[in-house]
Amino acid sequence: MFLLTFQSPGPILFELGPLTVRWYGLLIASAVLIGATLSQSLANKRHLKPDIMWDLAVWLVIAAIPCARLYYVFFEWEQYANRPGDIIAIWQGGIAIHGAMIGAILATLIFSRVNRVSVWQLLDLIAPSAILGQAIGRWGNFFNSEAFGRPTDLPWKLYIPLSSRPPGWQQFEYFHPTFLYESLWNLGIFALLLTLFFWGMRQGNRLKVGTLFFVYALGYSTGRLWIEGLRMDSLMLGGLRVAQLVSLGGILIGAFGLIWLYILKGSLTRENRS
């Protein structure tokens, strides 16, 4: 029988005197560097000044990481109300990708206005990097023993130490490795986006600007919708999972965006010409 059991070695990579290097921080930094390099390469192929993507990367980091943390803290305020000093302890985990996405989109919108570059062009170029970064970043949850799913006895499973198990579930040792599910799903979306990008290049740029972003929104949100249903630590709004609500919005944005680009926009253009 196929067996695949995951167990985190711990959140700390190494300590050197007062310096503590954590897996979470290393993975985020790696995702940023790899993503910026990839976006620069894609920008060059679309004949956009490559250096602009490095400038945008700085804006994205400044906006996305604080927004990801504030988004998480907002929905988990009860645990931070009496410990406000922990709000900045991002190295302990506790960031929300939807908060990062909101911050990144707002930063890209402002950046495009300042630099007079199409916002849809920029969003297309960062979409593959974003989903790849999300695939890498999910492994930070593995090292922190967080963002796991319900208990499972499947051949593939994640061991969670007693100290990290939710109250009332201490008798269970193995849980769904939802970090792995989402990481693999994201890698699939990443492959799809790159395939579409290079297909469009070979077809004489027939891929309409904005397509990659809308496919990203649709693809990622679809995966997150079902994976979130397995998790035990979802951010909640009343009795509803916040990530699922936002994912439904992402699916609608992605679907209607593609319909607009390839059906409605063309129809309106033909009508105006007639």
Protein backbone atom coordinates (compact mmCIF):
# COMPACT_ATOMS: atom_id res chain seq x y z
CA MET A 1 0.00 0.00 0.00
CA PHE A 2 1.18 3.51 -0.81
CA LEU A 3 2.06 5.34 2.39
CA LEU A 4 3.10 8.97 2.70
CA THR A 5 3.29 10.41 6.18
CA PHE A 6 4.47 13.98 6.74
CA GLN A 7 5.90 15.30 9.98
CA SER A 8 7.33 18.77 10.46
CA PRO A 9 10.92 18.96 11.76
CA GLY A 10 9.92 22.21 13.46
CA PRO A 11 9.56 25.86 12.44
CA ILE A 12 13.21 26.84 12.98
CA LEU A 13 15.81 26.18 10.29
CA PHE A 14 18.79 27.16 12.43
CA GLU A 15 19.89 29.51 15.20
CA LEU A 16 23.14 31.47 15.23
CA GLY A 17 23.53 33.42 18.45
CA PRO A 18 20.64 35.86 18.65
CA LEU A 19 19.73 35.18 15.01
CA THR A 20 16.88 32.75 14.40
CA VAL A 21 16.13 31.73 10.83
CA ARG A 22 12.67 30.23 10.40
CA TRP A 23 11.42 28.13 7.53
CA TYR A 24 8.40 30.40 7.11
CA GLY A 25 10.47 33.51 6.52
CA LEU A 26 12.91 31.71 4.24
CA LEU A 27 10.08 30.38 2.08
CA ILE A 28 8.42 33.80 1.78
CA ALA A 29 11.73 35.44 0.83
CA SER A 30 12.42 32.68 -1.71
CA ALA A 31 8.96 33.05 -3.21
CA VAL A 32 9.45 36.81 -3.64
CA LEU A 33 12.85 36.44 -5.34
CA ILE A 34 11.74 33.61 -7.63
CA GLY A 35 8.50 35.42 -8.47
CA ALA A 36 10.19 38.71 -9.29
CA THR A 37 12.72 36.96 -11.52
CA LEU A 38 9.96 35.08 -13.35
CA SER A 39 7.84 38.21 -13.83
CA GLN A 40 10.87 40.04 -15.20
CA SER A 41 11.41 37.27 -17.74
CA LEU A 42 7.77 37.27 -18.83
CA ALA A 43 7.76 41.08 -19.09
CA ASN A 44 10.75 40.93 -21.40
CA LYS A 45 8.90 38.51 -23.69
CA ARG A 46 5.94 40.91 -23.85
CA HIS A 47 8.33 43.74 -24.72
CA LEU A 48 7.73 45.53 -21.44
CA LYS A 49 10.67 47.09 -19.61
CA PRO A 50 11.82 44.18 -17.38
CA ASP A 51 13.17 46.36 -14.56
CA ILE A 52 9.69 47.65 -13.89
CA MET A 53 8.77 44.26 -12.42
CA TRP A 54 11.49 44.55 -9.78
CA ASP A 55 10.16 47.99 -8.89
CA LEU A 56 6.66 46.54 -8.65
CA ALA A 57 7.94 43.66 -6.50
CA VAL A 58 9.01 46.15 -3.83
CA TRP A 59 5.53 47.68 -3.83
CA LEU A 60 3.94 44.25 -3.60
CA VAL A 61 6.02 43.17 -0.61
CA ILE A 62 5.35 46.44 1.22
CA ALA A 63 1.60 46.10 0.63
CA ALA A 64 0.93 42.36 0.58
CA ILE A 65 2.64 41.10 3.73
CA PRO A 66 1.17 43.69 6.16
CA CYS A 67 -2.27 43.32 4.55
CA ALA A 68 -2.04 39.53 4.85
CA ARG A 69 -1.28 39.88 8.56
CA LEU A 70 -3.90 42.54 9.28
CA TYR A 71 -6.55 40.52 7.44
CA TYR A 72 -5.77 37.51 9.65
CA VAL A 73 -5.65 39.54 12.86
CA PHE A 74 -8.99 41.20 12.03
CA PHE A 75 -10.80 37.86 11.91
CA GLU A 76 -8.88 36.46 14.89
CA TRP A 77 -9.01 39.58 17.04
CA GLU A 78 -10.08 37.73 20.19
CA GLN A 79 -6.71 36.00 20.46
CA TYR A 80 -4.77 39.25 19.91
CA ALA A 81 -6.89 41.68 21.95
CA ASN A 82 -5.01 40.88 25.15
CA ARG A 83 -1.68 40.30 23.40
CA PRO A 84 -1.28 43.22 20.97
CA GLY A 85 2.47 42.70 20.88
CA ASP A 86 1.89 39.42 19.03
CA ILE A 87 0.29 41.24 16.12
CA ILE A 88 3.69 41.85 14.56
CA ALA A 89 4.93 38.28 15.26
CA ILE A 90 4.44 37.24 11.66
CA TRP A 91 7.26 34.69 11.92
CA GLN A 92 4.94 32.57 14.07
CA GLY A 93 2.55 32.20 11.15
CA GLY A 94 -0.91 33.65 10.87
CA ILE A 95 -1.14 35.41 7.54
CA ALA A 96 -4.03 35.15 5.10
CA ILE A 97 -3.37 34.85 1.39
CA HIS A 98 -6.59 36.68 0.56
CA GLY A 99 -5.36 39.66 2.53
CA ALA A 100 -2.10 39.53 0.59
CA MET A 101 -4.03 39.38 -2.69
CA ILE A 102 -6.08 42.44 -1.79
CA GLY A 103 -2.95 44.37 -0.84
CA ALA A 104 -1.12 43.26 -3.98
CA ILE A 105 -3.97 44.26 -6.31
CA LEU A 106 -4.29 47.68 -4.70
CA ALA A 107 -0.52 48.21 -4.91
CA THR A 108 -0.51 47.16 -8.57
CA LEU A 109 -3.36 49.53 -9.36
CA ILE A 110 -1.55 52.48 -7.78
CA PHE A 111 1.78 51.47 -9.34
CA SER A 112 0.20 51.29 -12.81
CA ARG A 113 -1.22 54.79 -12.44
CA VAL A 114 2.09 56.23 -11.24
CA ASN A 115 4.09 54.55 -14.01
CA ARG A 116 1.40 54.78 -16.72
CA VAL A 117 1.40 51.08 -17.47
CA SER A 118 -1.69 48.94 -18.12
CA VAL A 119 -2.84 47.44 -14.83
CA TRP A 120 -4.12 44.37 -16.68
CA GLN A 121 -0.74 43.88 -18.28
CA LEU A 122 0.93 44.01 -14.88
CA LEU A 123 -1.62 41.66 -13.29
CA ASP A 124 -1.07 39.19 -16.13
CA LEU A 125 2.67 39.24 -15.56
CA ILE A 126 2.49 38.71 -11.80
CA ALA A 127 -0.25 36.05 -11.87
CA PRO A 128 2.10 33.10 -12.63
CA SER A 129 4.57 34.37 -10.03
CA ALA A 130 1.81 34.80 -7.46
CA ILE A 131 0.45 31.28 -7.78
CA LEU A 132 3.98 29.81 -7.73
CA GLY A 133 4.73 31.85 -4.61
CA GLN A 134 1.56 30.52 -3.00
CA ALA A 135 2.63 26.96 -3.81
CA ILE A 136 5.99 27.59 -2.12
CA GLY A 137 4.52 29.50 0.81
CA ARG A 138 2.11 26.70 1.75
CA TRP A 139 5.09 24.68 2.92
CA GLY A 140 5.55 27.28 5.63
CA ASN A 141 2.29 25.96 7.09
CA PHE A 142 3.83 22.48 7.10
CA PHE A 143 6.86 23.57 9.11
CA ASN A 144 4.63 25.49 11.54
CA SER A 145 2.19 22.54 11.90
CA GLU A 146 -0.76 24.72 10.98
CA ALA A 147 -3.49 25.03 8.33
CA PHE A 148 -4.18 21.30 8.37
CA GLY A 149 -7.42 19.46 7.71
CA ARG A 150 -9.67 17.10 9.60
CA PRO A 151 -8.37 13.82 11.08
CA THR A 152 -7.76 11.12 8.49
CA ASP A 153 -6.55 7.53 8.21
CA LEU A 154 -5.75 7.81 4.50
CA PRO A 155 -2.38 6.46 3.30
CA TRP A 156 -1.23 10.09 2.94
CA LYS A 157 -1.50 12.09 6.13
CA LEU A 158 0.14 14.71 8.30
CA TYR A 159 1.30 14.13 11.86
CA ILE A 160 0.45 17.05 14.13
CA PRO A 161 2.20 17.30 17.53
CA LEU A 162 -0.07 17.38 20.56
CA SER A 163 0.67 21.04 21.30
CA SER A 164 -0.65 22.09 17.87
CA ARG A 165 -3.86 20.02 17.84
CA PRO A 166 -7.17 21.87 18.21
CA PRO A 167 -8.97 21.61 21.55
CA GLY A 168 -11.12 18.50 21.63
CA TRP A 169 -9.05 16.75 18.95
CA GLN A 170 -6.00 15.84 21.02
CA GLN A 171 -6.71 12.12 20.66
CA PHE A 172 -6.05 12.27 16.92
CA GLU A 173 -2.50 12.18 15.56
CA TYR A 174 -2.95 12.35 11.79
CA PHE A 175 -4.76 14.98 9.75
CA HIS A 176 -5.37 15.89 6.11
CA PRO A 177 -2.23 17.62 4.70
CA THR A 178 -4.24 20.48 3.21
CA PHE A 179 -1.03 22.48 2.78
CA LEU A 180 0.05 19.80 0.30
CA TYR A 181 -3.29 19.72 -1.50
CA GLU A 182 -3.19 23.45 -2.07
CA SER A 183 0.49 23.50 -3.00
CA LEU A 184 -0.04 20.84 -5.67
CA TRP A 185 -3.21 22.55 -6.92
CA ASN A 186 -1.33 25.83 -7.20
CA LEU A 187 1.48 24.18 -9.14
CA GLY A 188 -1.12 22.90 -11.57
CA ILE A 189 -2.54 26.41 -12.04
CA PHE A 190 1.02 27.71 -12.48
CA ALA A 191 1.64 25.20 -15.27
CA LEU A 192 -1.66 26.20 -16.90
CA LEU A 193 -0.80 29.91 -16.81
CA LEU A 194 2.64 29.39 -18.34
CA THR A 195 1.13 27.15 -21.02
CA LEU A 196 -1.40 29.86 -21.89
CA PHE A 197 1.29 32.55 -21.88
CA PHE A 198 3.60 30.77 -24.31
CA TRP A 199 0.67 29.57 -26.44
CA GLY A 200 -0.36 33.19 -26.80
CA MET A 201 3.18 34.14 -27.80
CA ARG A 202 3.28 31.46 -30.49
CA GLN A 203 -0.12 32.55 -31.79
CA GLY A 204 0.93 36.13 -32.35
CA ASN A 205 -0.25 37.47 -29.00
CA ARG A 206 -3.80 36.22 -29.50
CA LEU A 207 -4.15 35.87 -25.75
CA LYS A 208 -6.02 38.95 -24.62
CA VAL A 209 -4.48 41.10 -21.91
CA GLY A 210 -6.11 40.24 -18.60
CA THR A 211 -6.63 36.57 -19.44
CA LEU A 212 -3.91 35.22 -17.16
CA PHE A 213 -5.18 37.20 -14.19
CA PHE A 214 -8.77 36.03 -14.64
CA VAL A 215 -7.69 32.40 -15.11
CA TYR A 216 -5.59 32.76 -11.95
CA ALA A 217 -8.56 34.13 -9.99
CA LEU A 218 -10.87 31.40 -11.28
CA GLY A 219 -8.41 28.53 -10.91
CA TYR A 220 -7.02 29.37 -7.50
CA SER A 221 -10.42 30.19 -6.03
CA THR A 222 -11.93 26.93 -7.27
CA GLY A 223 -9.22 24.90 -5.54
CA ARG A 224 -9.33 26.95 -2.35
CA LEU A 225 -13.12 26.57 -2.16
CA TRP A 226 -13.02 22.79 -1.70
CA ILE A 227 -9.72 22.58 0.18
CA GLU A 228 -10.93 25.12 2.74
CA GLY A 229 -13.85 22.81 3.50
CA LEU A 230 -11.37 20.28 4.92
CA ARG A 231 -9.57 22.69 7.22
CA MET A 232 -10.13 23.00 10.96
CA ASP A 233 -8.68 26.47 11.50
CA SER A 234 -10.67 28.53 9.02
CA LEU A 235 -11.24 32.21 9.65
CA MET A 236 -14.95 32.51 10.38
CA LEU A 237 -17.61 35.14 9.89
CA GLY A 238 -20.50 33.93 11.98
CA GLY A 239 -20.99 30.35 10.87
CA LEU A 240 -19.41 30.86 7.44
CA ARG A 241 -15.84 30.25 6.34
CA VAL A 242 -14.38 33.56 5.16
CA ALA A 243 -12.01 31.96 2.64
CA GLN A 244 -14.89 30.12 0.96
CA LEU A 245 -16.92 33.31 0.68
CA VAL A 246 -13.96 35.16 -0.85
CA SER A 247 -13.26 32.20 -3.13
CA LEU A 248 -16.81 32.32 -4.46
CA GLY A 249 -16.18 35.98 -5.25
CA GLY A 250 -12.92 35.06 -6.98
CA ILE A 251 -14.69 32.44 -9.09
CA LEU A 252 -17.29 34.98 -10.19
CA ILE A 253 -14.66 37.61 -10.98
CA GLY A 254 -12.58 35.14 -12.97
CA ALA A 255 -15.52 33.69 -14.89
CA PHE A 256 -17.17 37.01 -15.72
CA GLY A 257 -13.79 38.53 -16.59
CA LEU A 258 -13.14 35.83 -19.18
CA ILE A 259 -16.70 36.15 -20.53
CA TRP A 260 -16.15 39.88 -20.85
CA LEU A 261 -12.82 39.55 -22.66
CA TYR A 262 -13.82 36.85 -25.13
CA ILE A 263 -17.57 37.27 -25.63
CA LEU A 264 -19.12 40.53 -24.44
CA LYS A 265 -16.25 42.89 -25.34
CA GLY A 266 -16.05 41.53 -28.89
CA SER A 267 -19.82 41.81 -29.32
CA LEU A 268 -19.84 45.42 -28.14
CA THR A 269 -16.95 46.27 -30.46
CA ARG A 270 -18.80 44.81 -33.46
CA GLU A 271 -21.97 46.69 -32.53
CA ASN A 272 -20.11 49.99 -32.28
CA ARG A 273 -18.53 49.41 -35.68
CA SER A 274 -21.89 48.73 -37.26
